[in-house]
Amino acid sequence: MAATTAARRAGVPGGRCRNPLADPFLLGLSGGAGLGAVVAIALALPGPWALPLAAFAGAVGAMALVYRLGLVGGAQLDPRVLLLGGVAVGAFAAAVTTAIVSLAEATELRNAFLWLWGGFSGASWTTVLVIAVYAPLPLVVLAAAARPLDLLALGEEPAQYLGADVRRLKQVVYLAASLLTAAAVAVAGVIGFVGLIVPHVCRLVWGRLHRTLLPTAFLAGGILLVASDTLARTVVAPRELPVGIVTALVGVPLFAVLLRRWTVS
């Protein structure tokens, strides 16, 4: 569930920001979730809900800060400023996270490292409940926004002429995608390159219409993360690699190929 949720929101940020590199990492959401989780690990907060809730709170806090930075003139959400604000918030969260990890004890350091690279070894019905509580409403919102997102891809002015409420659309979709990110990262950790690779591959294969892109990204991302988790569990068995390492090893070369394709075209 976390895998497919992460993939579903992966198809949204680039279309909303009209930037193919926009993903939860660059928007600061993953960094905020990572900071919240590391704080929970360092403080040894008790209970199965402590770490997911701390990560969710960190992601929501980063979301609110980036959203406020992205408001130009107090009302208009500027995608370019939003992206720059996300980079700044993500860098700040990474710095604080690194400081906490560098001061942590050995056991806490290992737990924080494994969580920051993501994985499903700690999956339980509690984590399923986190996704089940927070994911359905944002998923419905994104599904309903498929056609307006197609219009927004044409540009803000054409979208307005065609009847889309651009300001409200950007706000609602940003909040929905951010909540999905927070829920996925809260239960699976920070897993990179899903938000960059999956939507671009889906666009190449199935086209750019969001009514097709969103469900295919949902399924393709789930398949990618399940396959990555299988490799992480078997390559160095009986030990287990963090899933984020596998997705990075697969994602970096594939992203380089896609980047080359864009520059040539």
C-alpha atoms as a PDB file:
ATOM      1  CA  MET A   1       0.000   0.000   0.000  1.00  0.00           C
ATOM      2  CA  ALA A   2       2.819   2.414   0.832  1.00  0.00           C
ATOM      3  CA  ALA A   3       4.537   1.544  -2.445  1.00  0.00           C
ATOM      4  CA  THR A   4       1.526   2.229  -4.610  1.00  0.00           C
ATOM      5  CA  THR A   5       0.631   5.342  -2.624  1.00  0.00           C
ATOM      6  CA  ALA A   6       4.130   6.702  -3.102  1.00  0.00           C
ATOM      7  CA  ALA A   7       3.916   5.999  -6.805  1.00  0.00           C
ATOM      8  CA  ARG A   8       0.472   7.548  -7.197  1.00  0.00           C
ATOM      9  CA  ARG A   9       1.608  10.896  -5.821  1.00  0.00           C
ATOM     10  CA  ALA A  10       4.792  10.563  -7.909  1.00  0.00           C
ATOM     11  CA  GLY A  11       2.820  11.347 -11.035  1.00  0.00           C
ATOM     12  CA  VAL A  12       1.556  14.669  -9.668  1.00  0.00           C
ATOM     13  CA  PRO A  13       4.347  17.098  -8.633  1.00  0.00           C
ATOM     14  CA  GLY A  14       5.902  17.468 -12.071  1.00  0.00           C
ATOM     15  CA  GLY A  15       2.561  18.286 -13.643  1.00  0.00           C
ATOM     16  CA  ARG A  16       1.599  20.665 -10.898  1.00  0.00           C
ATOM     17  CA  CYS A  17       4.925  22.553 -10.926  1.00  0.00           C
ATOM     18  CA  ARG A  18       5.351  22.165 -14.699  1.00  0.00           C
ATOM     19  CA  ASN A  19       8.871  20.939 -13.945  1.00  0.00           C
ATOM     20  CA  PRO A  20       9.911  17.353 -14.771  1.00  0.00           C
ATOM     21  CA  LEU A  21      12.332  17.290 -11.830  1.00  0.00           C
ATOM     22  CA  ALA A  22       9.732  18.223  -9.208  1.00  0.00           C
ATOM     23  CA  ASP A  23       9.302  15.397  -6.720  1.00  0.00           C
ATOM     24  CA  PRO A  24       8.866  15.060  -2.929  1.00  0.00           C
ATOM     25  CA  PHE A  25      12.642  15.220  -2.401  1.00  0.00           C
ATOM     26  CA  LEU A  26      13.013  18.571  -4.136  1.00  0.00           C
ATOM     27  CA  LEU A  27       9.827  19.882  -2.536  1.00  0.00           C
ATOM     28  CA  GLY A  28      11.266  19.235   0.940  1.00  0.00           C
ATOM     29  CA  LEU A  29       8.587  16.769   2.054  1.00  0.00           C
ATOM     30  CA  SER A  30      10.841  13.729   2.325  1.00  0.00           C
ATOM     31  CA  GLY A  31      13.411  15.759   4.245  1.00  0.00           C
ATOM     32  CA  GLY A  32      10.789  16.908   6.732  1.00  0.00           C
ATOM     33  CA  ALA A  33       9.528  13.357   7.229  1.00  0.00           C
ATOM     34  CA  GLY A  34      13.087  12.103   7.690  1.00  0.00           C
ATOM     35  CA  LEU A  35      13.771  14.752  10.317  1.00  0.00           C
ATOM     36  CA  GLY A  36      10.629  13.846  12.232  1.00  0.00           C
ATOM     37  CA  ALA A  37      11.508  10.148  12.190  1.00  0.00           C
ATOM     38  CA  VAL A  38      15.108  10.714  13.300  1.00  0.00           C
ATOM     39  CA  VAL A  39      13.894  12.862  16.203  1.00  0.00           C
ATOM     40  CA  ALA A  40      11.562  10.021  17.256  1.00  0.00           C
ATOM     41  CA  ILE A  41      14.428   7.498  17.033  1.00  0.00           C
ATOM     42  CA  ALA A  42      16.853   9.738  18.945  1.00  0.00           C
ATOM     43  CA  LEU A  43      14.316  10.352  21.716  1.00  0.00           C
ATOM     44  CA  ALA A  44      13.364   6.645  21.781  1.00  0.00           C
ATOM     45  CA  LEU A  45       9.681   7.521  21.728  1.00  0.00           C
ATOM     46  CA  PRO A  46       7.654   4.471  22.800  1.00  0.00           C
ATOM     47  CA  GLY A  47       4.834   2.761  20.960  1.00  0.00           C
ATOM     48  CA  PRO A  48       4.334   1.500  17.393  1.00  0.00           C
ATOM     49  CA  TRP A  49       2.705   4.773  16.334  1.00  0.00           C
ATOM     50  CA  ALA A  50       5.520   7.055  17.505  1.00  0.00           C
ATOM     51  CA  LEU A  51       7.797   6.878  14.470  1.00  0.00           C
ATOM     52  CA  PRO A  52       5.086   7.004  11.759  1.00  0.00           C
ATOM     53  CA  LEU A  53       3.329   9.899  13.488  1.00  0.00           C
ATOM     54  CA  ALA A  54       6.606  11.795  13.976  1.00  0.00           C
ATOM     55  CA  ALA A  55       7.488  11.313  10.311  1.00  0.00           C
ATOM     56  CA  PHE A  56       4.008  12.379   9.259  1.00  0.00           C
ATOM     57  CA  ALA A  57       4.223  15.476  11.462  1.00  0.00           C
ATOM     58  CA  GLY A  58       7.620  16.346   9.976  1.00  0.00           C
ATOM     59  CA  ALA A  59       6.317  16.028   6.424  1.00  0.00           C
ATOM     60  CA  VAL A  60       3.218  18.097   7.178  1.00  0.00           C
ATOM     61  CA  GLY A  61       5.371  20.761   8.850  1.00  0.00           C
ATOM     62  CA  ALA A  62       7.668  20.911   5.816  1.00  0.00           C
ATOM     63  CA  MET A  63       4.611  21.024   3.556  1.00  0.00           C
ATOM     64  CA  ALA A  64       3.170  24.001   5.436  1.00  0.00           C
ATOM     65  CA  LEU A  65       6.477  25.885   5.385  1.00  0.00           C
ATOM     66  CA  VAL A  66       7.118  25.270   1.680  1.00  0.00           C
ATOM     67  CA  TYR A  67       3.526  26.197   0.866  1.00  0.00           C
ATOM     68  CA  ARG A  68       3.894  29.489   2.742  1.00  0.00           C
ATOM     69  CA  LEU A  69       7.170  30.235   0.968  1.00  0.00           C
ATOM     70  CA  GLY A  70       5.514  29.477  -2.373  1.00  0.00           C
ATOM     71  CA  LEU A  71       2.784  32.071  -1.923  1.00  0.00           C
ATOM     72  CA  VAL A  72       3.684  35.176  -3.902  1.00  0.00           C
ATOM     73  CA  GLY A  73       1.983  38.333  -2.702  1.00  0.00           C
ATOM     74  CA  GLY A  74       0.220  36.299  -0.032  1.00  0.00           C
ATOM     75  CA  ALA A  75      -2.207  34.639  -2.446  1.00  0.00           C
ATOM     76  CA  GLN A  76      -0.748  33.280  -5.705  1.00  0.00           C
ATOM     77  CA  LEU A  77       1.118  29.960  -5.547  1.00  0.00           C
ATOM     78  CA  ASP A  78       4.203  30.271  -7.786  1.00  0.00           C
ATOM     79  CA  PRO A  79       5.576  26.844  -8.867  1.00  0.00           C
ATOM     80  CA  ARG A  80       9.115  28.180  -9.310  1.00  0.00           C
ATOM     81  CA  VAL A  81       9.212  29.754  -5.850  1.00  0.00           C
ATOM     82  CA  LEU A  82       7.573  26.594  -4.469  1.00  0.00           C
ATOM     83  CA  LEU A  83      10.384  24.456  -5.872  1.00  0.00           C
ATOM     84  CA  LEU A  84      13.111  26.773  -4.579  1.00  0.00           C
ATOM     85  CA  GLY A  85      11.434  26.876  -1.175  1.00  0.00           C
ATOM     86  CA  GLY A  86      11.306  23.077  -1.166  1.00  0.00           C
ATOM     87  CA  VAL A  87      15.023  22.837  -1.896  1.00  0.00           C
ATOM     88  CA  ALA A  88      15.774  25.265   0.955  1.00  0.00           C
ATOM     89  CA  VAL A  89      13.523  23.468   3.449  1.00  0.00           C
ATOM     90  CA  GLY A  90      14.912  20.080   2.392  1.00  0.00           C
ATOM     91  CA  ALA A  91      18.500  21.294   2.836  1.00  0.00           C
ATOM     92  CA  PHE A  92      17.716  22.682   6.290  1.00  0.00           C
ATOM     93  CA  ALA A  93      15.973  19.449   7.340  1.00  0.00           C
ATOM     94  CA  ALA A  94      18.917  17.402   6.034  1.00  0.00           C
ATOM     95  CA  ALA A  95      21.381  19.522   8.017  1.00  0.00           C
ATOM     96  CA  VAL A  96      19.432  19.108  11.259  1.00  0.00           C
ATOM     97  CA  THR A  97      18.977  15.381  10.580  1.00  0.00           C
ATOM     98  CA  THR A  98      22.722  14.939  10.001  1.00  0.00           C
ATOM     99  CA  ALA A  99      23.502  16.800  13.223  1.00  0.00           C
ATOM    100  CA  ILE A 100      21.165  14.538  15.221  1.00  0.00           C
ATOM    101  CA  VAL A 101      22.528  11.358  13.627  1.00  0.00           C
ATOM    102  CA  SER A 102      26.140  12.413  14.227  1.00  0.00           C
ATOM    103  CA  LEU A 103      25.403  12.784  17.953  1.00  0.00           C
ATOM    104  CA  ALA A 104      23.379   9.565  18.268  1.00  0.00           C
ATOM    105  CA  GLU A 105      24.424   6.332  19.953  1.00  0.00           C
ATOM    106  CA  ALA A 106      25.486   3.360  17.819  1.00  0.00           C
ATOM    107  CA  THR A 107      22.107   1.583  17.932  1.00  0.00           C
ATOM    108  CA  GLU A 108      20.182   4.773  17.255  1.00  0.00           C
ATOM    109  CA  LEU A 109      22.589   5.611  14.431  1.00  0.00           C
ATOM    110  CA  ARG A 110      21.971   2.273  12.709  1.00  0.00           C
ATOM    111  CA  ASN A 111      18.187   2.553  13.096  1.00  0.00           C
ATOM    112  CA  ALA A 112      18.203   6.095  11.747  1.00  0.00           C
ATOM    113  CA  PHE A 113      20.426   5.133   8.814  1.00  0.00           C
ATOM    114  CA  LEU A 114      18.210   2.192   7.845  1.00  0.00           C
ATOM    115  CA  TRP A 115      15.057   4.296   8.101  1.00  0.00           C
ATOM    116  CA  LEU A 116      16.497   7.190   6.088  1.00  0.00           C
ATOM    117  CA  TRP A 117      17.188   4.804   3.189  1.00  0.00           C
ATOM    118  CA  GLY A 118      13.725   3.266   3.423  1.00  0.00           C
ATOM    119  CA  GLY A 119      12.428  -0.273   3.574  1.00  0.00           C
ATOM    120  CA  PHE A 120       9.502  -2.544   4.399  1.00  0.00           C
ATOM    121  CA  SER A 121      11.113  -4.790   7.012  1.00  0.00           C
ATOM    122  CA  GLY A 122       9.103  -3.093   9.754  1.00  0.00           C
ATOM    123  CA  ALA A 123       5.782  -3.423   7.942  1.00  0.00           C
ATOM    124  CA  SER A 124       2.862  -4.294  10.205  1.00  0.00           C
ATOM    125  CA  TRP A 125      -0.876  -3.823  10.454  1.00  0.00           C
ATOM    126  CA  THR A 126      -0.173  -0.597  12.314  1.00  0.00           C
ATOM    127  CA  THR A 127       1.623   0.839   9.291  1.00  0.00           C
ATOM    128  CA  VAL A 128      -1.170  -0.398   7.029  1.00  0.00           C
ATOM    129  CA  LEU A 129      -3.620   1.477   9.242  1.00  0.00           C
ATOM    130  CA  VAL A 130      -1.610   4.699   8.844  1.00  0.00           C
ATOM    131  CA  ILE A 131      -1.918   4.429   5.051  1.00  0.00           C
ATOM    132  CA  ALA A 132      -5.573   3.387   5.276  1.00  0.00           C
ATOM    133  CA  VAL A 133      -6.412   6.459   7.376  1.00  0.00           C
ATOM    134  CA  TYR A 134      -4.509   9.137   5.470  1.00  0.00           C
ATOM    135  CA  ALA A 135      -4.375   7.949   1.844  1.00  0.00           C
ATOM    136  CA  PRO A 136      -7.973   7.452   0.566  1.00  0.00           C
ATOM    137  CA  LEU A 137      -9.123  11.094   0.572  1.00  0.00           C
ATOM    138  CA  PRO A 138      -6.010  12.481  -1.220  1.00  0.00           C
ATOM    139  CA  LEU A 139      -6.251   9.649  -3.765  1.00  0.00           C
ATOM    140  CA  VAL A 140      -9.863  10.578  -4.538  1.00  0.00           C
ATOM    141  CA  VAL A 141      -8.914  14.263  -4.827  1.00  0.00           C
ATOM    142  CA  LEU A 142      -6.094  13.507  -7.283  1.00  0.00           C
ATOM    143  CA  ALA A 143      -8.314  11.241  -9.367  1.00  0.00           C
ATOM    144  CA  ALA A 144     -10.919  14.007  -9.611  1.00  0.00           C
ATOM    145  CA  ALA A 145      -8.210  16.509 -10.615  1.00  0.00           C
ATOM    146  CA  ALA A 146      -6.954  14.481 -13.597  1.00  0.00           C
ATOM    147  CA  ARG A 147      -8.591  16.605 -16.310  1.00  0.00           C
ATOM    148  CA  PRO A 148      -7.754  19.982 -14.697  1.00  0.00           C
ATOM    149  CA  LEU A 149      -4.127  18.820 -14.415  1.00  0.00           C
ATOM    150  CA  ASP A 150      -4.141  18.092 -18.153  1.00  0.00           C
ATOM    151  CA  LEU A 151      -5.352  21.640 -18.747  1.00  0.00           C
ATOM    152  CA  LEU A 152      -2.707  23.055 -16.408  1.00  0.00           C
ATOM    153  CA  ALA A 153      -0.010  21.291 -18.428  1.00  0.00           C
ATOM    154  CA  LEU A 154      -0.941  23.598 -21.330  1.00  0.00           C
ATOM    155  CA  GLY A 155      -0.099  26.661 -19.229  1.00  0.00           C
ATOM    156  CA  GLU A 156      -1.926  28.688 -16.617  1.00  0.00           C
ATOM    157  CA  GLU A 157      -3.617  31.123 -19.001  1.00  0.00           C
ATOM    158  CA  PRO A 158      -4.941  28.452 -21.418  1.00  0.00           C
ATOM    159  CA  ALA A 159      -6.153  26.429 -18.425  1.00  0.00           C
ATOM    160  CA  GLN A 160      -8.076  29.434 -17.097  1.00  0.00           C
ATOM    161  CA  TYR A 161      -9.629  30.096 -20.506  1.00  0.00           C
ATOM    162  CA  LEU A 162     -10.749  26.464 -20.611  1.00  0.00           C
ATOM    163  CA  GLY A 163     -12.500  26.776 -17.262  1.00  0.00           C
ATOM    164  CA  ALA A 164      -9.954  25.550 -14.708  1.00  0.00           C
ATOM    165  CA  ASP A 165      -9.611  27.377 -11.394  1.00  0.00           C
ATOM    166  CA  VAL A 166      -5.803  27.381 -11.518  1.00  0.00           C
ATOM    167  CA  ARG A 167      -5.190  28.919  -8.113  1.00  0.00           C
ATOM    168  CA  ARG A 168      -7.476  26.511  -6.269  1.00  0.00           C
ATOM    169  CA  LEU A 169      -6.262  23.561  -8.356  1.00  0.00           C
ATOM    170  CA  LYS A 170      -2.609  24.114  -7.453  1.00  0.00           C
ATOM    171  CA  GLN A 171      -3.430  24.523  -3.781  1.00  0.00           C
ATOM    172  CA  VAL A 172      -5.663  21.450  -3.531  1.00  0.00           C
ATOM    173  CA  VAL A 173      -3.372  19.181  -5.553  1.00  0.00           C
ATOM    174  CA  TYR A 174      -0.299  20.308  -3.617  1.00  0.00           C
ATOM    175  CA  LEU A 175      -1.996  19.523  -0.301  1.00  0.00           C
ATOM    176  CA  ALA A 176      -3.289  16.145  -1.523  1.00  0.00           C
ATOM    177  CA  ALA A 177       0.078  15.055  -2.955  1.00  0.00           C
ATOM    178  CA  SER A 178       1.834  16.232   0.200  1.00  0.00           C
ATOM    179  CA  LEU A 179      -0.456  14.201   2.449  1.00  0.00           C
ATOM    180  CA  LEU A 180       0.176  11.117   0.316  1.00  0.00           C
ATOM    181  CA  THR A 181       3.909  11.714   0.556  1.00  0.00           C
ATOM    182  CA  ALA A 182       3.704  12.134   4.309  1.00  0.00           C
ATOM    183  CA  ALA A 183       1.734   8.901   4.715  1.00  0.00           C
ATOM    184  CA  ALA A 184       4.045   6.865   2.464  1.00  0.00           C
ATOM    185  CA  VAL A 185       7.286   8.159   3.974  1.00  0.00           C
ATOM    186  CA  ALA A 186       5.923   7.764   7.495  1.00  0.00           C
ATOM    187  CA  VAL A 187       5.569   4.004   7.094  1.00  0.00           C
ATOM    188  CA  ALA A 188       8.269   3.104   4.543  1.00  0.00           C
ATOM    189  CA  GLY A 189      11.032   5.636   5.131  1.00  0.00           C
ATOM    190  CA  VAL A 190      12.701   7.863   2.570  1.00  0.00           C
ATOM    191  CA  ILE A 191      12.948   5.945  -0.726  1.00  0.00           C
ATOM    192  CA  GLY A 192      14.440   7.978  -3.530  1.00  0.00           C
ATOM    193  CA  PHE A 193      14.003   8.111  -7.317  1.00  0.00           C
ATOM    194  CA  VAL A 194      10.479   6.657  -7.362  1.00  0.00           C
ATOM    195  CA  GLY A 195       9.043  10.134  -7.858  1.00  0.00           C
ATOM    196  CA  LEU A 196      11.464  10.861 -10.698  1.00  0.00           C
ATOM    197  CA  ILE A 197      11.628   7.596 -12.610  1.00  0.00           C
ATOM    198  CA  VAL A 198       8.118   6.120 -12.449  1.00  0.00           C
ATOM    199  CA  PRO A 199       6.072   9.037 -13.857  1.00  0.00           C
ATOM    200  CA  HIS A 200       8.507   9.672 -16.715  1.00  0.00           C
ATOM    201  CA  VAL A 201       8.556   6.032 -17.780  1.00  0.00           C
ATOM    202  CA  CYS A 202       4.754   5.945 -17.580  1.00  0.00           C
ATOM    203  CA  ARG A 203       4.521   9.106 -19.703  1.00  0.00           C
ATOM    204  CA  LEU A 204       6.774   7.563 -22.347  1.00  0.00           C
ATOM    205  CA  VAL A 205       4.748   4.345 -22.473  1.00  0.00           C
ATOM    206  CA  TRP A 206       1.142   5.444 -21.851  1.00  0.00           C
ATOM    207  CA  GLY A 207       1.116   9.155 -22.658  1.00  0.00           C
ATOM    208  CA  ARG A 208       0.673  12.352 -20.665  1.00  0.00           C
ATOM    209  CA  LEU A 209      -3.041  12.281 -19.835  1.00  0.00           C
ATOM    210  CA  HIS A 210      -3.370  12.191 -16.049  1.00  0.00           C
ATOM    211  CA  ARG A 211      -6.414   9.922 -16.123  1.00  0.00           C
ATOM    212  CA  THR A 212      -4.022   7.293 -17.524  1.00  0.00           C
ATOM    213  CA  LEU A 213      -0.826   8.471 -15.859  1.00  0.00           C
ATOM    214  CA  LEU A 214      -2.088   8.369 -12.274  1.00  0.00           C
ATOM    215  CA  PRO A 215      -3.344   4.747 -12.192  1.00  0.00           C
ATOM    216  CA  THR A 216      -0.402   3.443 -14.240  1.00  0.00           C
ATOM    217  CA  ALA A 217       2.063   5.233 -11.946  1.00  0.00           C
ATOM    218  CA  PHE A 218       0.143   3.728  -9.018  1.00  0.00           C
ATOM    219  CA  LEU A 219       0.664   0.199 -10.345  1.00  0.00           C
ATOM    220  CA  ALA A 220       4.134   0.640 -11.863  1.00  0.00           C
ATOM    221  CA  GLY A 221       5.531   2.222  -8.710  1.00  0.00           C
ATOM    222  CA  GLY A 222       4.130  -0.574  -6.583  1.00  0.00           C
ATOM    223  CA  ILE A 223       5.712  -3.176  -8.860  1.00  0.00           C
ATOM    224  CA  LEU A 224       9.048  -1.320  -8.811  1.00  0.00           C
ATOM    225  CA  LEU A 225       9.177  -1.116  -5.027  1.00  0.00           C
ATOM    226  CA  VAL A 226       8.074  -4.713  -4.480  1.00  0.00           C
ATOM    227  CA  ALA A 227      10.783  -5.872  -6.907  1.00  0.00           C
ATOM    228  CA  SER A 228      13.344  -3.615  -5.203  1.00  0.00           C
ATOM    229  CA  ASP A 229      12.345  -4.953  -1.789  1.00  0.00           C
ATOM    230  CA  THR A 230      12.739  -8.526  -3.055  1.00  0.00           C
ATOM    231  CA  LEU A 231      16.250  -7.739  -4.312  1.00  0.00           C
ATOM    232  CA  ALA A 232      17.120  -5.980  -1.065  1.00  0.00           C
ATOM    233  CA  ARG A 233      16.117  -9.082   0.915  1.00  0.00           C
ATOM    234  CA  THR A 234      17.850 -11.670  -1.285  1.00  0.00           C
ATOM    235  CA  VAL A 235      21.039 -10.192  -2.781  1.00  0.00           C
ATOM    236  CA  VAL A 236      23.028 -10.297   0.471  1.00  0.00           C
ATOM    237  CA  ALA A 237      20.813 -12.748   2.411  1.00  0.00           C
ATOM    238  CA  PRO A 238      20.521 -13.346   5.332  1.00  0.00           C
ATOM    239  CA  ARG A 239      21.269  -9.627   5.647  1.00  0.00           C
ATOM    240  CA  GLU A 240      18.983  -7.039   4.109  1.00  0.00           C
ATOM    241  CA  LEU A 241      19.790  -3.870   2.195  1.00  0.00           C
ATOM    242  CA  PRO A 242      17.661  -0.736   2.537  1.00  0.00           C
ATOM    243  CA  VAL A 243      15.243  -0.498  -0.385  1.00  0.00           C
ATOM    244  CA  GLY A 244      16.382   3.054  -1.108  1.00  0.00           C
ATOM    245  CA  ILE A 245      19.836   1.773  -2.040  1.00  0.00           C
ATOM    246  CA  VAL A 246      18.348  -0.569  -4.642  1.00  0.00           C
ATOM    247  CA  THR A 247      16.083   2.106  -6.123  1.00  0.00           C
ATOM    248  CA  ALA A 248      19.038   4.508  -6.306  1.00  0.00           C
ATOM    249  CA  LEU A 249      21.274   1.943  -8.037  1.00  0.00           C
ATOM    250  CA  VAL A 250      18.516   1.259 -10.566  1.00  0.00           C
ATOM    251  CA  GLY A 251      17.192   4.799 -10.767  1.00  0.00           C
ATOM    252  CA  VAL A 252      20.389   6.772 -11.348  1.00  0.00           C
ATOM    253  CA  PRO A 253      21.386   5.022 -14.625  1.00  0.00           C
ATOM    254  CA  LEU A 254      17.792   5.047 -15.865  1.00  0.00           C
ATOM    255  CA  PHE A 255      17.417   8.713 -15.015  1.00  0.00           C
ATOM    256  CA  ALA A 256      20.674   9.450 -16.852  1.00  0.00           C
ATOM    257  CA  VAL A 257      19.237   7.771 -19.960  1.00  0.00           C
ATOM    258  CA  LEU A 258      16.012   9.787 -19.670  1.00  0.00           C
ATOM    259  CA  LEU A 259      17.981  12.996 -19.122  1.00  0.00           C
ATOM    260  CA  ARG A 260      20.041  12.281 -22.216  1.00  0.00           C
ATOM    261  CA  ARG A 261      16.841  11.691 -24.165  1.00  0.00           C
ATOM    262  CA  TRP A 262      15.449  15.080 -23.065  1.00  0.00           C
ATOM    263  CA  THR A 263      18.642  16.982 -23.932  1.00  0.00           C
ATOM    264  CA  VAL A 264      18.887  15.363 -27.373  1.00  0.00           C
ATOM    265  CA  SER A 265      15.220  16.014 -28.180  1.00  0.00           C
END
